[in-house]
Amino acid sequence: MKGSAAKGRTRSAGKQTQKARLTQLVVLDALRSWVFPTAAGVVVFVLYVLYNIDVVDVGVAVTVTGVLALLVVLFFGLRGFFEDIPEGRRVALLAGFAVLWCVATVFPFYRAVNRGTPLFTAELKHGGPPVTVPLHDRPGHYSLFVEGHFLPVQGRENRTATYQIALGHDGSTDRLIEGAFSQEWGSQRVGAGRRSSMVPVMHERTLLLDELEDPEGRDLTLQLKELSAGVRDSVTVRIYPPGAPKAVLIALGVLAVAAALGVDAWREKGSSEGLMGTLTVAALVAVALFRNSSAATPGFPQLIFGALVGAIGGAIGGWALSRLAKPLRKYAQ
């Protein structure tokens, strides 16, 4: 009797251990496959809905969406290495690569939307005196944002207003900065089926971006020379300090691509060859297009366009990189 009871307990303990092991395998497989992309997709969907009903600011929605999309790309590029637990040295190298990859892609993307605190802010009055921008002994490339303010009107009317700002120094004018604010009405379908309806939607373009070059590091002046009717008699200007130099961003991108080649060289033959290189090129192309768009504040249209072109560029660049990675396999395996 005692022997039978002991055997029963042993079989029960064995079943529990096997069940726990199966549960662990299922959880790990879910973490390696669908959990993170699904969670990211849910967050993006909720944010997009909140953005469309004006609960979440466009900057927050675009930032979170873009960062999550880049992290999902990185996840798909590296998850194949965790089918089995890799050795400690390889884990450390993969972690280092992930940090480099994020610095080369996520950080530039984030800074394109979130420029930080402006270096200088002022209101330029139409016909008012020049305003001095104190850039003495700080040479560099600066971003100038010009914001207009349309006056309220009754009804729906498409409007355009132009401005002209004189940029100079020491009482002389170096160049004229010109731009146009716009306010256009359109329609958008809301709902589905028979319950859908067309509602009026206004699209404004009241924030414009220009570039300032001050290679000698001298004080500059800004004066609002011309401003169309229909807007307030002043514009708001904000100047932001230069971000990371383009040479640094390019160097980080090259390092990320080179590191991606090394990561792909670790893969077993026939297992997602060139995947990380392809995804890295796609991410870099998408971020570069997003950063260099003409919009003062890049939004979802620029994000979608960058993603589509990045996918094409990644496919082409990844094919070339996969050929370069093949000679590295015999050294990395």
Protein backbone atom coordinates (compact mmCIF):
# COMPACT_ATOMS: atom_id res chain seq x y z
CA MET A 1 0.00 0.00 0.00
CA LYS A 2 2.74 2.40 0.96
CA GLY A 3 4.63 1.56 -2.24
CA SER A 4 1.54 2.23 -4.37
CA ALA A 5 0.92 5.55 -2.65
CA ALA A 6 4.55 6.58 -3.17
CA LYS A 7 4.35 5.67 -6.87
CA GLY A 8 1.10 7.68 -7.16
CA ARG A 9 2.74 10.73 -5.63
CA THR A 10 5.74 10.35 -7.93
CA ARG A 11 3.50 10.15 -11.02
CA SER A 12 1.50 13.19 -9.81
CA ALA A 13 4.66 15.19 -9.20
CA GLY A 14 5.97 14.19 -12.63
CA LYS A 15 2.76 15.32 -14.32
CA GLN A 16 2.85 18.64 -12.48
CA THR A 17 6.47 19.17 -13.51
CA GLN A 18 5.65 18.31 -17.13
CA LYS A 19 2.65 20.65 -17.06
CA ALA A 20 4.74 23.47 -15.61
CA ARG A 21 7.37 22.88 -18.28
CA LEU A 22 4.77 22.98 -21.06
CA THR A 23 3.28 26.18 -19.62
CA GLN A 24 6.74 27.73 -19.53
CA LEU A 25 7.37 26.77 -23.15
CA VAL A 26 4.02 28.22 -24.25
CA VAL A 27 4.69 31.50 -22.41
CA LEU A 28 8.21 31.81 -23.81
CA ASP A 29 6.98 31.06 -27.32
CA ALA A 30 4.28 33.75 -26.96
CA LEU A 31 6.86 36.27 -25.75
CA ARG A 32 9.09 35.44 -28.73
CA SER A 33 6.28 35.71 -31.25
CA TRP A 34 3.05 37.65 -30.84
CA VAL A 35 2.85 39.29 -27.40
CA PHE A 36 4.99 42.40 -27.99
CA PRO A 37 3.79 43.15 -31.58
CA THR A 38 0.18 42.67 -30.53
CA ALA A 39 0.53 44.89 -27.47
CA ALA A 40 2.24 47.56 -29.59
CA GLY A 41 -0.53 47.35 -32.19
CA VAL A 42 -3.23 47.80 -29.54
CA VAL A 43 -1.45 50.85 -28.10
CA VAL A 44 -1.06 52.41 -31.56
CA PHE A 45 -4.73 51.78 -32.41
CA VAL A 46 -5.94 53.36 -29.16
CA LEU A 47 -3.63 56.34 -29.62
CA TYR A 48 -4.79 56.89 -33.19
CA VAL A 49 -8.44 56.87 -32.10
CA LEU A 50 -7.71 59.30 -29.26
CA TYR A 51 -5.76 61.53 -31.65
CA ASN A 52 -8.67 61.64 -34.12
CA ILE A 53 -11.06 62.82 -31.40
CA ASP A 54 -8.53 65.44 -30.22
CA VAL A 55 -7.85 63.81 -26.87
CA VAL A 56 -4.14 63.15 -27.57
CA ASP A 57 -1.80 65.69 -29.15
CA VAL A 58 -0.44 64.78 -32.59
CA GLY A 59 3.15 64.99 -31.33
CA VAL A 60 2.54 62.41 -28.62
CA ALA A 61 0.60 60.09 -30.95
CA VAL A 62 3.24 60.23 -33.70
CA THR A 63 6.13 59.83 -31.27
CA VAL A 64 4.71 56.77 -29.51
CA THR A 65 3.58 55.20 -32.79
CA GLY A 66 6.96 55.68 -34.46
CA VAL A 67 9.01 54.51 -31.48
CA LEU A 68 6.88 51.39 -31.03
CA ALA A 69 7.09 50.63 -34.76
CA LEU A 70 10.90 50.86 -34.65
CA LEU A 71 11.07 48.64 -31.56
CA VAL A 72 8.84 46.07 -33.26
CA VAL A 73 11.22 46.10 -36.24
CA LEU A 74 14.15 45.49 -33.90
CA PHE A 75 12.19 42.72 -32.14
CA PHE A 76 11.56 40.85 -35.39
CA GLY A 77 15.21 41.17 -36.33
CA LEU A 78 16.52 39.66 -33.10
CA ARG A 79 13.87 37.22 -31.91
CA GLY A 80 15.34 34.33 -33.91
CA PHE A 81 18.37 34.30 -31.61
CA PHE A 82 16.21 33.46 -28.60
CA GLU A 83 14.66 30.23 -29.82
CA ASP A 84 17.18 28.69 -27.45
CA ILE A 85 18.86 30.55 -24.64
CA PRO A 86 22.10 31.96 -26.14
CA GLU A 87 25.39 32.08 -24.29
CA GLY A 88 26.14 35.04 -22.07
CA ARG A 89 28.71 36.60 -24.41
CA ARG A 90 26.30 36.57 -27.33
CA VAL A 91 23.50 38.04 -25.21
CA ALA A 92 25.80 40.91 -24.21
CA LEU A 93 26.75 41.56 -27.83
CA LEU A 94 23.12 41.50 -28.94
CA ALA A 95 22.22 43.92 -26.14
CA GLY A 96 25.01 46.25 -27.25
CA PHE A 97 23.78 46.05 -30.83
CA ALA A 98 20.22 46.87 -29.69
CA VAL A 99 21.47 49.99 -27.90
CA LEU A 100 23.46 51.11 -30.96
CA TRP A 101 20.45 50.43 -33.21
CA CYS A 102 18.14 52.53 -31.01
CA VAL A 103 20.65 55.40 -30.89
CA ALA A 104 20.90 55.36 -34.70
CA THR A 105 17.14 55.14 -35.37
CA VAL A 106 14.88 55.82 -32.37
CA PHE A 107 16.76 58.87 -31.06
CA PRO A 108 16.84 60.78 -34.41
CA PHE A 109 13.17 59.97 -34.93
CA TYR A 110 12.26 61.22 -31.45
CA ARG A 111 14.20 64.47 -31.90
CA ALA A 112 12.47 65.16 -35.23
CA VAL A 113 9.16 65.49 -33.37
CA ASN A 114 10.38 66.68 -29.97
CA ARG A 115 12.96 69.42 -30.46
CA GLY A 116 13.17 70.38 -26.81
CA THR A 117 13.19 73.90 -25.39
CA PRO A 118 13.55 76.74 -27.91
CA LEU A 119 16.70 78.80 -27.70
CA PHE A 120 14.83 81.99 -28.51
CA THR A 121 11.15 83.02 -28.72
CA ALA A 122 9.67 86.36 -29.76
CA GLU A 123 6.62 88.06 -31.28
CA LEU A 124 7.36 89.98 -34.47
CA LYS A 125 4.97 92.91 -35.00
CA HIS A 126 4.06 93.91 -38.52
CA GLY A 127 6.06 97.06 -39.22
CA GLY A 128 7.73 96.87 -35.82
CA PRO A 129 11.44 97.29 -35.08
CA PRO A 130 13.93 94.47 -35.65
CA VAL A 131 14.28 91.89 -32.88
CA THR A 132 17.79 90.77 -31.98
CA VAL A 133 18.53 87.06 -31.75
CA PRO A 134 21.49 86.65 -29.34
CA LEU A 135 23.67 84.03 -31.05
CA HIS A 136 27.02 85.69 -30.32
CA ASP A 137 29.89 83.17 -30.22
CA ARG A 138 27.49 80.31 -30.99
CA PRO A 139 27.95 79.49 -34.67
CA GLY A 140 25.88 76.74 -36.18
CA HIS A 141 22.76 75.65 -38.02
CA TYR A 142 19.45 76.58 -36.39
CA SER A 143 15.78 75.77 -37.03
CA LEU A 144 13.39 78.73 -37.29
CA PHE A 145 9.67 78.15 -36.73
CA VAL A 146 7.22 80.85 -37.80
CA GLU A 147 3.64 80.61 -36.49
CA GLY A 148 0.72 82.68 -37.73
CA HIS A 149 -2.70 83.22 -36.18
CA PHE A 150 -5.80 83.49 -38.37
CA LEU A 151 -8.56 85.80 -37.15
CA PRO A 152 -11.94 84.17 -36.53
CA VAL A 153 -14.55 84.52 -39.29
CA GLN A 154 -18.12 83.39 -39.75
CA GLY A 155 -18.79 80.54 -42.12
CA ARG A 156 -16.34 78.28 -43.90
CA GLU A 157 -13.86 80.02 -46.13
CA ASN A 158 -10.51 78.96 -47.54
CA ARG A 159 -7.88 81.53 -46.62
CA THR A 160 -4.20 82.19 -47.32
CA ALA A 161 -1.85 84.70 -45.73
CA THR A 162 1.73 85.42 -46.72
CA TYR A 163 4.56 86.91 -44.69
CA GLN A 164 8.02 88.27 -45.31
CA ILE A 165 10.71 88.45 -42.61
CA ALA A 166 14.02 90.24 -43.08
CA LEU A 167 16.96 88.32 -41.62
CA GLY A 168 20.11 90.33 -41.08
CA HIS A 169 22.84 91.57 -38.76
CA ASP A 170 24.41 94.91 -37.82
CA GLY A 171 21.63 96.89 -39.53
CA SER A 172 21.88 95.10 -42.89
CA THR A 173 19.57 92.53 -44.47
CA ASP A 174 21.10 89.19 -45.45
CA ARG A 175 18.00 87.60 -46.95
CA LEU A 176 14.21 87.57 -46.91
CA ILE A 177 12.34 84.66 -45.38
CA GLU A 178 8.97 84.16 -47.06
CA GLY A 179 6.12 81.77 -46.44
CA ALA A 180 2.35 81.33 -46.60
CA PHE A 181 -0.14 80.22 -43.95
CA SER A 182 -3.26 78.45 -45.16
CA GLN A 183 -6.65 77.42 -43.87
CA GLU A 184 -8.71 75.06 -46.03
CA TRP A 185 -12.04 73.35 -45.52
CA GLY A 186 -12.87 69.85 -46.68
CA SER A 187 -15.16 67.00 -45.74
CA GLN A 188 -14.65 63.66 -44.09
CA ARG A 189 -16.93 60.65 -43.85
CA VAL A 190 -17.78 59.59 -40.30
CA GLY A 191 -19.37 56.26 -39.48
CA ALA A 192 -20.13 53.31 -41.73
CA GLY A 193 -22.97 52.09 -43.88
CA ARG A 194 -26.28 53.94 -43.81
CA ARG A 195 -25.38 55.74 -40.61
CA SER A 196 -22.33 57.38 -42.13
CA SER A 197 -22.34 61.09 -42.87
CA MET A 198 -20.04 63.75 -44.25
CA VAL A 199 -18.78 66.32 -41.76
CA PRO A 200 -16.77 69.49 -42.48
CA VAL A 201 -13.10 69.35 -41.54
CA MET A 202 -10.67 72.26 -41.44
CA HIS A 203 -6.99 71.80 -42.33
CA GLU A 204 -4.62 74.50 -41.13
CA ARG A 205 -1.01 75.17 -42.00
CA THR A 206 0.00 77.89 -39.58
CA LEU A 207 3.43 76.65 -38.49
CA LEU A 208 6.25 76.85 -41.02
CA LEU A 209 9.87 75.78 -40.79
CA ASP A 210 12.93 77.53 -42.16
CA GLU A 211 16.65 77.19 -41.57
CA LEU A 212 19.15 79.70 -40.19
CA GLU A 213 22.85 79.50 -40.90
CA ASP A 214 25.15 81.48 -38.60
CA PRO A 215 28.66 80.20 -39.37
CA GLU A 216 30.39 83.17 -37.73
CA GLY A 217 28.43 83.12 -34.48
CA ARG A 218 27.09 86.69 -34.53
CA ASP A 219 23.86 88.24 -33.31
CA LEU A 220 21.09 88.18 -35.94
CA THR A 221 18.03 90.38 -36.39
CA LEU A 222 14.49 89.49 -37.49
CA GLN A 223 11.96 92.04 -38.72
CA LEU A 224 8.44 91.34 -40.02
CA LYS A 225 8.27 93.35 -43.26
CA GLU A 226 5.05 92.06 -44.84
CA LEU A 227 1.97 90.26 -43.53
CA SER A 228 -1.32 89.66 -45.34
CA ALA A 229 -4.70 90.64 -43.97
CA GLY A 230 -6.84 88.05 -42.25
CA VAL A 231 -4.30 87.10 -39.59
CA ARG A 232 -3.21 88.74 -36.37
CA ASP A 233 -0.76 91.61 -36.89
CA SER A 234 2.16 89.58 -35.52
CA VAL A 235 3.80 86.18 -35.91
CA THR A 236 5.50 84.05 -33.30
CA VAL A 237 9.06 82.94 -34.03
CA ARG A 238 10.93 80.20 -32.21
CA ILE A 239 14.55 79.24 -32.80
CA TYR A 240 15.83 75.83 -31.78
CA PRO A 241 19.46 74.88 -31.27
CA PRO A 242 21.17 72.59 -33.74
CA GLY A 243 20.62 68.90 -33.14
CA ALA A 244 23.13 66.16 -33.68
CA PRO A 245 25.35 66.93 -36.69
CA LYS A 246 24.44 65.08 -39.87
CA ALA A 247 27.92 63.59 -39.98
CA VAL A 248 27.33 61.98 -36.58
CA LEU A 249 23.94 60.60 -37.64
CA ILE A 250 25.43 59.20 -40.84
CA ALA A 251 28.28 57.60 -38.88
CA LEU A 252 25.79 56.02 -36.47
CA GLY A 253 23.78 54.68 -39.41
CA VAL A 254 26.88 53.16 -41.01
CA LEU A 255 27.87 51.56 -37.70
CA ALA A 256 24.36 50.16 -37.24
CA VAL A 257 24.42 48.62 -40.73
CA ALA A 258 27.88 47.15 -40.17
CA ALA A 259 26.78 45.72 -36.82
CA ALA A 260 23.64 44.30 -38.46
CA LEU A 261 25.88 42.46 -40.93
CA GLY A 262 27.71 40.92 -38.00
CA VAL A 263 24.43 39.91 -36.35
CA ASP A 264 23.18 38.27 -39.55
CA ALA A 265 26.47 36.40 -39.85
CA TRP A 266 25.61 34.57 -36.62
CA ARG A 267 22.46 33.06 -38.06
CA GLU A 268 22.39 29.47 -39.17
CA LYS A 269 22.54 28.95 -42.91
CA GLY A 270 19.10 29.26 -44.45
CA SER A 271 17.62 30.87 -41.33
CA SER A 272 16.39 34.44 -42.06
CA GLU A 273 19.58 35.34 -43.89
CA GLY A 274 20.14 39.10 -44.08
CA LEU A 275 17.03 39.87 -42.03
CA MET A 276 18.62 42.31 -39.57
CA GLY A 277 20.47 44.11 -42.34
CA THR A 278 17.27 44.50 -44.35
CA LEU A 279 15.32 45.80 -41.38
CA THR A 280 18.12 48.19 -40.40
CA VAL A 281 18.32 49.72 -43.87
CA ALA A 282 14.52 50.05 -43.96
CA ALA A 283 14.44 51.78 -40.56
CA LEU A 284 17.27 54.18 -41.46
CA VAL A 285 15.65 55.14 -44.78
CA ALA A 286 12.27 55.68 -43.09
CA VAL A 287 13.76 57.83 -40.31
CA ALA A 288 15.84 59.87 -42.77
CA LEU A 289 12.77 60.64 -44.90
CA PHE A 290 10.72 61.50 -41.83
CA ARG A 291 13.39 63.86 -40.49
CA ASN A 292 13.90 65.62 -43.82
CA SER A 293 10.25 66.16 -44.69
CA SER A 294 9.18 69.70 -45.49
CA ALA A 295 6.56 69.73 -42.73
CA ALA A 296 7.36 71.88 -39.70
CA THR A 297 5.97 69.19 -37.43
CA PRO A 298 6.03 65.78 -39.17
CA GLY A 299 2.85 63.81 -38.57
CA PHE A 300 1.14 60.62 -39.63
CA PRO A 301 1.30 61.31 -43.41
CA GLN A 302 5.08 61.70 -43.22
CA LEU A 303 5.33 58.66 -40.94
CA ILE A 304 3.36 56.46 -43.37
CA PHE A 305 5.29 57.73 -46.39
CA GLY A 306 8.62 57.09 -44.67
CA ALA A 307 7.54 53.57 -43.70
CA LEU A 308 6.46 52.68 -47.25
CA VAL A 309 9.61 54.03 -48.91
CA GLY A 310 11.73 52.52 -46.13
CA ALA A 311 10.27 49.09 -46.83
CA ILE A 312 11.25 49.39 -50.49
CA GLY A 313 14.71 50.70 -49.65
CA GLY A 314 15.16 47.96 -47.06
CA ALA A 315 14.31 45.25 -49.57
CA ILE A 316 16.85 46.58 -52.08
CA GLY A 317 19.55 47.39 -49.55
CA GLY A 318 19.00 44.19 -47.62
CA TRP A 319 19.51 42.10 -50.74
CA ALA A 320 22.89 43.77 -51.33
CA LEU A 321 23.89 43.47 -47.67
CA SER A 322 23.02 39.77 -47.56
CA ARG A 323 25.63 39.21 -50.27
CA LEU A 324 28.21 41.09 -48.23
CA ALA A 325 27.38 39.12 -45.10
CA LYS A 326 28.02 35.70 -46.62
CA PRO A 327 31.88 35.83 -46.33
CA LEU A 328 31.48 36.68 -42.63
CA ARG A 329 29.64 33.48 -41.77
CA LYS A 330 32.64 31.21 -41.58
CA TYR A 331 34.22 33.54 -39.01
CA ALA A 332 31.08 34.07 -36.92
CA GLN A 333 29.71 30.54 -36.72
